[in-house]
């Protein structure tokens, strides 16, 4: 589970471990007991962040105009297809 430094507290990390995830989050610089984490995997978090920013270009998806979940999922799928074609 890739997480930002904002979620690096002990409670969040323990909850992720209890649910079977391996938390990949760097410790804050001022933490007294830092831990090791997969730095290469953490760098890939940026790709996910950039993908969400590209999807947010589609106003209908970003503002969630649709009342029904199925319509929202359809528009989200359409936005993902357009993003795949245009990229």
PDB file of N, CA and C in Angstrom:
ATOM      1  N   UNK A   1       0.857  -1.157   0.000  1.00  0.00           N
ATOM      2  CA  UNK A   1       0.000   0.000   0.000  1.00  0.00           C
ATOM      3  C   UNK A   1       0.907   1.224   0.000  1.00  0.00           C
ATOM      4  N   UNK A   2       0.827   1.997  -1.058  1.00  0.00           N
ATOM      5  CA  UNK A   2       1.615   3.213  -1.169  1.00  0.00           C
ATOM      6  C   UNK A   2       0.896   4.345  -0.454  1.00  0.00           C
ATOM      7  N   UNK A   3       1.611   5.005   0.442  1.00  0.00           N
ATOM      8  CA  UNK A   3       0.999   6.090   1.208  1.00  0.00           C
ATOM      9  C   UNK A   3       1.933   7.283   1.215  1.00  0.00           C
ATOM     10  N   UNK A   4       1.350   8.443   1.416  1.00  0.00           N
ATOM     11  CA  UNK A   4       2.100   9.676   1.522  1.00  0.00           C
ATOM     12  C   UNK A   4       2.631   9.819   2.950  1.00  0.00           C
ATOM     13  N   UNK A   5       3.585  10.702   3.120  1.00  0.00           N
ATOM     14  CA  UNK A   5       4.152  10.910   4.458  1.00  0.00           C
ATOM     15  C   UNK A   5       3.122  11.379   5.475  1.00  0.00           C
ATOM     16  N   UNK A   6       2.047  11.959   5.005  1.00  0.00           N
ATOM     17  CA  UNK A   6       1.008  12.428   5.926  1.00  0.00           C
ATOM     18  C   UNK A   6       0.363  11.266   6.685  1.00  0.00           C
ATOM     19  N   UNK A   7       0.457  10.050   6.141  1.00  0.00           N
ATOM     20  CA  UNK A   7      -0.166   8.873   6.743  1.00  0.00           C
ATOM     21  C   UNK A   7       0.864   7.949   7.388  1.00  0.00           C
ATOM     22  N   UNK A   8       1.956   8.473   7.850  1.00  0.00           N
ATOM     23  CA  UNK A   8       3.018   7.623   8.351  1.00  0.00           C
ATOM     24  C   UNK A   8       2.934   7.354   9.850  1.00  0.00           C
ATOM     25  N   UNK A   9       1.846   7.703  10.487  1.00  0.00           N
ATOM     26  CA  UNK A   9       1.764   7.467  11.925  1.00  0.00           C
ATOM     27  C   UNK A   9       1.636   5.972  12.220  1.00  0.00           C
ATOM     28  N   UNK A  10       1.917   5.600  13.439  1.00  0.00           N
ATOM     29  CA  UNK A  10       1.952   4.194  13.830  1.00  0.00           C
ATOM     30  C   UNK A  10       0.594   3.511  13.674  1.00  0.00           C
ATOM     31  N   UNK A  11      -0.492   4.213  14.006  1.00  0.00           N
ATOM     32  CA  UNK A  11      -1.826   3.612  13.924  1.00  0.00           C
ATOM     33  C   UNK A  11      -2.183   3.226  12.495  1.00  0.00           C
ATOM     34  N   UNK A  12      -1.899   4.095  11.546  1.00  0.00           N
ATOM     35  CA  UNK A  12      -2.221   3.812  10.146  1.00  0.00           C
ATOM     36  C   UNK A  12      -1.377   2.663   9.619  1.00  0.00           C
ATOM     37  N   UNK A  13      -0.114   2.643   9.963  1.00  0.00           N
ATOM     38  CA  UNK A  13       0.759   1.560   9.510  1.00  0.00           C
ATOM     39  C   UNK A  13       0.335   0.227  10.112  1.00  0.00           C
ATOM     40  N   UNK A  14      -0.034   0.215  11.394  1.00  0.00           N
ATOM     41  CA  UNK A  14      -0.492  -1.028  12.038  1.00  0.00           C
ATOM     42  C   UNK A  14      -1.801  -1.522  11.422  1.00  0.00           C
ATOM     43  N   UNK A  15      -2.709  -0.608  11.111  1.00  0.00           N
ATOM     44  CA  UNK A  15      -3.972  -0.992  10.480  1.00  0.00           C
ATOM     45  C   UNK A  15      -3.718  -1.617   9.107  1.00  0.00           C
ATOM     46  N   UNK A  16      -2.804  -1.045   8.341  1.00  0.00           N
ATOM     47  CA  UNK A  16      -2.476  -1.607   7.024  1.00  0.00           C
ATOM     48  C   UNK A  16      -1.880  -3.008   7.177  1.00  0.00           C
ATOM     49  N   UNK A  17      -1.025  -3.195   8.165  1.00  0.00           N
ATOM     50  CA  UNK A  17      -0.426  -4.512   8.396  1.00  0.00           C
ATOM     51  C   UNK A  17      -1.480  -5.534   8.825  1.00  0.00           C
ATOM     52  N   UNK A  18      -2.421  -5.118   9.675  1.00  0.00           N
ATOM     53  CA  UNK A  18      -3.474  -6.022  10.134  1.00  0.00           C
ATOM     54  C   UNK A  18      -4.354  -6.480   8.978  1.00  0.00           C
ATOM     55  N   UNK A  19      -4.550  -5.604   8.002  1.00  0.00           N
ATOM     56  CA  UNK A  19      -5.400  -5.951   6.868  1.00  0.00           C
ATOM     57  C   UNK A  19      -4.639  -6.671   5.764  1.00  0.00           C
ATOM     58  N   UNK A  20      -3.370  -6.962   6.000  1.00  0.00           N
ATOM     59  CA  UNK A  20      -2.601  -7.763   5.056  1.00  0.00           C
ATOM     60  C   UNK A  20      -1.816  -6.968   4.028  1.00  0.00           C
ATOM     61  N   UNK A  21      -1.733  -5.665   4.186  1.00  0.00           N
ATOM     62  CA  UNK A  21      -0.974  -4.828   3.267  1.00  0.00           C
ATOM     63  C   UNK A  21       0.417  -4.577   3.818  1.00  0.00           C
ATOM     64  N   UNK A  22       1.345  -4.320   2.932  1.00  0.00           N
ATOM     65  CA  UNK A  22       2.683  -3.892   3.336  1.00  0.00           C
ATOM     66  C   UNK A  22       2.749  -2.388   3.107  1.00  0.00           C
ATOM     67  N   UNK A  23       2.788  -1.588   4.171  1.00  0.00           N
ATOM     68  CA  UNK A  23       2.797  -0.140   3.979  1.00  0.00           C
ATOM     69  C   UNK A  23       4.144   0.337   3.427  1.00  0.00           C
ATOM     70  N   UNK A  24       4.083   1.073   2.344  1.00  0.00           N
ATOM     71  CA  UNK A  24       5.279   1.669   1.748  1.00  0.00           C
ATOM     72  C   UNK A  24       5.134   3.168   1.927  1.00  0.00           C
ATOM     73  N   UNK A  25       5.695   3.652   3.003  1.00  0.00           N
ATOM     74  CA  UNK A  25       5.622   5.070   3.331  1.00  0.00           C
ATOM     75  C   UNK A  25       6.933   5.467   3.994  1.00  0.00           C
ATOM     76  N   UNK A  26       7.541   6.558   3.538  1.00  0.00           N
ATOM     77  CA  UNK A  26       8.779   6.989   4.181  1.00  0.00           C
ATOM     78  C   UNK A  26       8.485   7.651   5.525  1.00  0.00           C
ATOM     79  N   UNK A  27       9.359   7.451   6.489  1.00  0.00           N
ATOM     80  CA  UNK A  27       9.157   8.131   7.773  1.00  0.00           C
ATOM     81  C   UNK A  27       9.466   9.622   7.636  1.00  0.00           C
ATOM     82  N   UNK A  28       8.834  10.407   8.475  1.00  0.00           N
ATOM     83  CA  UNK A  28       9.144  11.841   8.473  1.00  0.00           C
ATOM     84  C   UNK A  28      10.596  12.027   8.907  1.00  0.00           C
ATOM     85  N   UNK A  29      11.164  13.110   8.481  1.00  0.00           N
ATOM     86  CA  UNK A  29      12.591  13.347   8.741  1.00  0.00           C
ATOM     87  C   UNK A  29      12.911  13.489  10.231  1.00  0.00           C
ATOM     88  N   UNK A  30      11.948  13.959  11.018  1.00  0.00           N
ATOM     89  CA  UNK A  30      12.213  14.169  12.439  1.00  0.00           C
ATOM     90  C   UNK A  30      11.816  12.975  13.311  1.00  0.00           C
ATOM     91  N   UNK A  31      11.469  11.847  12.715  1.00  0.00           N
ATOM     92  CA  UNK A  31      11.064  10.655  13.480  1.00  0.00           C
ATOM     93  C   UNK A  31      12.286  10.038  14.142  1.00  0.00           C
ATOM     94  N   UNK A  32      12.141   9.638  15.407  1.00  0.00           N
ATOM     95  CA  UNK A  32      13.264   9.085  16.156  1.00  0.00           C
ATOM     96  C   UNK A  32      13.590   7.653  15.773  1.00  0.00           C
ATOM     97  N   UNK A  33      12.579   6.857  15.462  1.00  0.00           N
ATOM     98  CA  UNK A  33      12.813   5.459  15.094  1.00  0.00           C
ATOM     99  C   UNK A  33      12.406   5.206  13.643  1.00  0.00           C
ATOM    100  N   UNK A  34      13.181   5.664  12.671  1.00  0.00           N
ATOM    101  CA  UNK A  34      12.772   5.469  11.269  1.00  0.00           C
ATOM    102  C   UNK A  34      12.830   3.998  10.866  1.00  0.00           C
ATOM    103  N   UNK A  35      12.114   3.638   9.823  1.00  0.00           N
ATOM    104  CA  UNK A  35      12.066   2.276   9.322  1.00  0.00           C
ATOM    105  C   UNK A  35      12.504   2.260   7.864  1.00  0.00           C
ATOM    106  N   UNK A  36      12.777   1.076   7.396  1.00  0.00           N
ATOM    107  CA  UNK A  36      13.148   0.916   5.993  1.00  0.00           C
ATOM    108  C   UNK A  36      11.877   0.757   5.162  1.00  0.00           C
ATOM    109  N   UNK A  37      11.953   1.219   3.928  1.00  0.00           N
ATOM    110  CA  UNK A  37      10.831   1.073   3.002  1.00  0.00           C
ATOM    111  C   UNK A  37      11.392   0.913   1.595  1.00  0.00           C
ATOM    112  N   UNK A  38      10.580   0.423   0.701  1.00  0.00           N
ATOM    113  CA  UNK A  38      10.989   0.194  -0.680  1.00  0.00           C
ATOM    114  C   UNK A  38      10.991   1.529  -1.429  1.00  0.00           C
ATOM    115  N   UNK A  39      12.155   2.109  -1.610  1.00  0.00           N
ATOM    116  CA  UNK A  39      12.258   3.429  -2.217  1.00  0.00           C
ATOM    117  C   UNK A  39      11.870   3.425  -3.690  1.00  0.00           C
ATOM    118  N   UNK A  40      12.180   2.356  -4.396  1.00  0.00           N
ATOM    119  CA  UNK A  40      11.825   2.278  -5.814  1.00  0.00           C
ATOM    120  C   UNK A  40      10.307   2.191  -5.989  1.00  0.00           C
ATOM    121  N   UNK A  41       9.649   1.426  -5.143  1.00  0.00           N
ATOM    122  CA  UNK A  41       8.199   1.317  -5.217  1.00  0.00           C
ATOM    123  C   UNK A  41       7.538   2.640  -4.832  1.00  0.00           C
ATOM    124  N   UNK A  42       8.105   3.341  -3.863  1.00  0.00           N
ATOM    125  CA  UNK A  42       7.546   4.620  -3.448  1.00  0.00           C
ATOM    126  C   UNK A  42       7.652   5.650  -4.575  1.00  0.00           C
ATOM    127  N   UNK A  43       8.689   5.581  -5.370  1.00  0.00           N
ATOM    128  CA  UNK A  43       8.832   6.510  -6.499  1.00  0.00           C
ATOM    129  C   UNK A  43       7.720   6.306  -7.516  1.00  0.00           C
ATOM    130  N   UNK A  44       7.176   5.101  -7.612  1.00  0.00           N
ATOM    131  CA  UNK A  44       6.104   4.815  -8.565  1.00  0.00           C
ATOM    132  C   UNK A  44       4.776   5.430  -8.143  1.00  0.00           C
ATOM    133  N   UNK A  45       4.672   5.867  -6.885  1.00  0.00           N
ATOM    134  CA  UNK A  45       3.458   6.518  -6.413  1.00  0.00           C
ATOM    135  C   UNK A  45       3.165   7.763  -7.244  1.00  0.00           C
ATOM    136  N   UNK A  46       4.197   8.405  -7.720  1.00  0.00           N
ATOM    137  CA  UNK A  46       4.062   9.595  -8.546  1.00  0.00           C
ATOM    138  C   UNK A  46       3.277   9.300  -9.823  1.00  0.00           C
ATOM    139  N   UNK A  47       3.444   8.114 -10.383  1.00  0.00           N
ATOM    140  CA  UNK A  47       2.707   7.746 -11.593  1.00  0.00           C
ATOM    141  C   UNK A  47       1.212   7.704 -11.328  1.00  0.00           C
ATOM    142  N   UNK A  48       0.827   7.184 -10.177  1.00  0.00           N
ATOM    143  CA  UNK A  48      -0.592   7.125  -9.816  1.00  0.00           C
ATOM    144  C   UNK A  48      -1.143   8.531  -9.624  1.00  0.00           C
ATOM    145  N   UNK A  49      -0.384   9.389  -8.952  1.00  0.00           N
ATOM    146  CA  UNK A  49      -0.810  10.769  -8.730  1.00  0.00           C
ATOM    147  C   UNK A  49      -0.996  11.496 -10.055  1.00  0.00           C
ATOM    148  N   UNK A  50      -0.087  11.322 -10.991  1.00  0.00           N
ATOM    149  CA  UNK A  50      -0.194  11.977 -12.292  1.00  0.00           C
ATOM    150  C   UNK A  50      -1.384  11.441 -13.079  1.00  0.00           C
ATOM    151  N   UNK A  51      -1.672  10.152 -12.959  1.00  0.00           N
ATOM    152  CA  UNK A  51      -2.820   9.579 -13.656  1.00  0.00           C
ATOM    153  C   UNK A  51      -4.125  10.198 -13.160  1.00  0.00           C
ATOM    154  N   UNK A  52      -4.268  10.340 -11.843  1.00  0.00           N
ATOM    155  CA  UNK A  52      -5.471  10.962 -11.309  1.00  0.00           C
ATOM    156  C   UNK A  52      -5.594  12.414 -11.758  1.00  0.00           C
ATOM    157  N   UNK A  53      -4.480  13.120 -11.872  1.00  0.00           N
ATOM    158  CA  UNK A  53      -4.539  14.496 -12.373  1.00  0.00           C
ATOM    159  C   UNK A  53      -5.004  14.537 -13.824  1.00  0.00           C
ATOM    160  N   UNK A  54      -4.579  13.568 -14.631  1.00  0.00           N
ATOM    161  CA  UNK A  54      -5.029  13.531 -16.029  1.00  0.00           C
ATOM    162  C   UNK A  54      -6.517  13.217 -16.114  1.00  0.00           C
ATOM    163  N   UNK A  55      -6.999  12.328 -15.264  1.00  0.00           N
ATOM    164  CA  UNK A  55      -8.423  11.982 -15.272  1.00  0.00           C
ATOM    165  C   UNK A  55      -9.266  13.171 -14.808  1.00  0.00           C
ATOM    166  N   UNK A  56      -8.745  13.983 -13.908  1.00  0.00           N
ATOM    167  CA  UNK A  56      -9.485  15.139 -13.403  1.00  0.00           C
ATOM    168  C   UNK A  56      -9.682  16.218 -14.457  1.00  0.00           C
ATOM    169  N   UNK A  57      -9.003  16.106 -15.595  1.00  0.00           N
ATOM    170  CA  UNK A  57      -9.235  17.070 -16.682  1.00  0.00           C
ATOM    171  C   UNK A  57     -10.652  16.966 -17.200  1.00  0.00           C
ATOM    172  N   UNK A  58     -11.272  15.814 -17.052  1.00  0.00           N
ATOM    173  CA  UNK A  58     -12.637  15.613 -17.520  1.00  0.00           C
ATOM    174  C   UNK A  58     -13.588  16.127 -16.446  1.00  0.00           C
ATOM    175  N   UNK A  59     -14.203  17.252 -16.727  1.00  0.00           N
ATOM    176  CA  UNK A  59     -14.986  17.974 -15.735  1.00  0.00           C
ATOM    177  C   UNK A  59     -16.115  17.124 -15.153  1.00  0.00           C
ATOM    178  N   UNK A  60     -16.733  16.330 -15.985  1.00  0.00           N
ATOM    179  CA  UNK A  60     -17.859  15.519 -15.532  1.00  0.00           C
ATOM    180  C   UNK A  60     -17.411  14.496 -14.482  1.00  0.00           C
ATOM    181  N   UNK A  61     -16.208  13.992 -14.627  1.00  0.00           N
ATOM    182  CA  UNK A  61     -15.682  13.033 -13.652  1.00  0.00           C
ATOM    183  C   UNK A  61     -15.253  13.761 -12.388  1.00  0.00           C
ATOM    184  N   UNK A  62     -14.585  14.876 -12.565  1.00  0.00           N
ATOM    185  CA  UNK A  62     -14.031  15.614 -11.429  1.00  0.00           C
ATOM    186  C   UNK A  62     -15.118  16.139 -10.494  1.00  0.00           C
ATOM    187  N   UNK A  63     -16.190  16.695 -11.062  1.00  0.00           N
ATOM    188  CA  UNK A  63     -17.223  17.296 -10.227  1.00  0.00           C
ATOM    189  C   UNK A  63     -18.326  16.321  -9.848  1.00  0.00           C
ATOM    190  N   UNK A  64     -18.331  15.145 -10.464  1.00  0.00           N
ATOM    191  CA  UNK A  64     -19.323  14.089 -10.203  1.00  0.00           C
ATOM    192  C   UNK A  64     -20.755  14.608 -10.328  1.00  0.00           C
ATOM    193  N   UNK A  65     -21.079  15.032 -11.544  1.00  0.00           N
ATOM    194  CA  UNK A  65     -22.433  15.504 -11.827  1.00  0.00           C
ATOM    195  C   UNK A  65     -23.458  14.378 -11.762  1.00  0.00           C
ATOM    196  N   UNK A  66     -23.054  13.178 -12.073  1.00  0.00           N
ATOM    197  CA  UNK A  66     -23.998  12.070 -12.205  1.00  0.00           C
ATOM    198  C   UNK A  66     -24.542  11.647 -10.844  1.00  0.00           C
ATOM    199  N   UNK A  67     -25.841  11.377 -10.827  1.00  0.00           N
ATOM    200  CA  UNK A  67     -26.489  10.944  -9.590  1.00  0.00           C
ATOM    201  C   UNK A  67     -26.318   9.448  -9.354  1.00  0.00           C
ATOM    202  N   UNK A  68     -26.320   8.677 -10.435  1.00  0.00           N
ATOM    203  CA  UNK A  68     -26.228   7.228 -10.300  1.00  0.00           C
ATOM    204  C   UNK A  68     -24.775   6.766 -10.390  1.00  0.00           C
ATOM    205  N   UNK A  69     -24.440   5.792  -9.563  1.00  0.00           N
ATOM    206  CA  UNK A  69     -23.081   5.255  -9.579  1.00  0.00           C
ATOM    207  C   UNK A  69     -22.731   4.632 -10.920  1.00  0.00           C
ATOM    208  N   UNK A  70     -23.719   4.002 -11.552  1.00  0.00           N
ATOM    209  CA  UNK A  70     -23.446   3.363 -12.847  1.00  0.00           C
ATOM    210  C   UNK A  70     -23.117   4.393 -13.915  1.00  0.00           C
ATOM    211  N   UNK A  71     -23.794   5.528 -13.877  1.00  0.00           N
ATOM    212  CA  UNK A  71     -23.495   6.591 -14.849  1.00  0.00           C
ATOM    213  C   UNK A  71     -22.107   7.177 -14.590  1.00  0.00           C
ATOM    214  N   UNK A  72     -21.777   7.362 -13.309  1.00  0.00           N
ATOM    215  CA  UNK A  72     -20.452   7.894 -12.974  1.00  0.00           C
ATOM    216  C   UNK A  72     -19.366   6.912 -13.419  1.00  0.00           C
ATOM    217  N   UNK A  73     -19.572   5.641 -13.179  1.00  0.00           N
ATOM    218  CA  UNK A  73     -18.597   4.636 -13.583  1.00  0.00           C
ATOM    219  C   UNK A  73     -18.455   4.602 -15.103  1.00  0.00           C
ATOM    220  N   UNK A  74     -19.561   4.770 -15.813  1.00  0.00           N
ATOM    221  CA  UNK A  74     -19.505   4.816 -17.269  1.00  0.00           C
ATOM    222  C   UNK A  74     -18.705   6.010 -17.765  1.00  0.00           C
ATOM    223  N   UNK A  75     -18.948   7.174 -17.173  1.00  0.00           N
ATOM    224  CA  UNK A  75     -18.194   8.366 -17.574  1.00  0.00           C
ATOM    225  C   UNK A  75     -16.728   8.266 -17.177  1.00  0.00           C
ATOM    226  N   UNK A  76     -16.457   7.656 -16.039  1.00  0.00           N
ATOM    227  CA  UNK A  76     -15.072   7.453 -15.630  1.00  0.00           C
ATOM    228  C   UNK A  76     -14.362   6.513 -16.601  1.00  0.00           C
ATOM    229  N   UNK A  77     -15.045   5.456 -16.997  1.00  0.00           N
ATOM    230  CA  UNK A  77     -14.474   4.523 -17.973  1.00  0.00           C
ATOM    231  C   UNK A  77     -14.208   5.216 -19.295  1.00  0.00           C
ATOM    232  N   UNK A  78     -15.145   6.042 -19.726  1.00  0.00           N
ATOM    233  CA  UNK A  78     -14.975   6.791 -20.967  1.00  0.00           C
ATOM    234  C   UNK A  78     -13.778   7.750 -20.871  1.00  0.00           C
ATOM    235  N   UNK A  79     -13.629   8.414 -19.734  1.00  0.00           N
ATOM    236  CA  UNK A  79     -12.486   9.302 -19.535  1.00  0.00           C
ATOM    237  C   UNK A  79     -11.177   8.524 -19.558  1.00  0.00           C
ATOM    238  N   UNK A  80     -11.181   7.326 -18.989  1.00  0.00           N
ATOM    239  CA  UNK A  80      -9.966   6.501 -18.998  1.00  0.00           C
ATOM    240  C   UNK A  80      -9.626   6.039 -20.412  1.00  0.00           C
ATOM    241  N   UNK A  81     -10.648   5.743 -21.217  1.00  0.00           N
ATOM    242  CA  UNK A  81     -10.408   5.351 -22.608  1.00  0.00           C
ATOM    243  C   UNK A  81      -9.845   6.529 -23.394  1.00  0.00           C
ATOM    244  N   UNK A  82     -10.451   7.714 -23.229  1.00  0.00           N
ATOM    245  CA  UNK A  82      -9.923   8.889 -23.922  1.00  0.00           C
ATOM    246  C   UNK A  82      -8.493   9.181 -23.504  1.00  0.00           C
ATOM    247  N   UNK A  83      -8.201   9.024 -22.232  1.00  0.00           N
ATOM    248  CA  UNK A  83      -6.840   9.269 -21.751  1.00  0.00           C
ATOM    249  C   UNK A  83      -5.866   8.270 -22.373  1.00  0.00           C
ATOM    250  N   UNK A  84      -6.290   7.014 -22.501  1.00  0.00           N
ATOM    251  CA  UNK A  84      -5.419   6.001 -23.081  1.00  0.00           C
ATOM    252  C   UNK A  84      -5.166   6.276 -24.563  1.00  0.00           C
ATOM    253  N   UNK A  85      -6.174   6.767 -25.260  1.00  0.00           N
ATOM    254  CA  UNK A  85      -6.024   7.063 -26.688  1.00  0.00           C
ATOM    255  C   UNK A  85      -5.136   8.295 -26.889  1.00  0.00           C
ATOM    256  N   UNK A  86      -5.351   9.310 -26.085  1.00  0.00           N
ATOM    257  CA  UNK A  86      -4.627  10.575 -26.255  1.00  0.00           C
ATOM    258  C   UNK A  86      -3.187  10.515 -25.751  1.00  0.00           C
ATOM    259  N   UNK A  87      -2.915   9.620 -24.859  1.00  0.00           N
ATOM    260  CA  UNK A  87      -1.540   9.546 -24.324  1.00  0.00           C
ATOM    261  C   UNK A  87      -0.755   8.671 -25.205  1.00  0.00           C
TER     262      UNK A  87
END
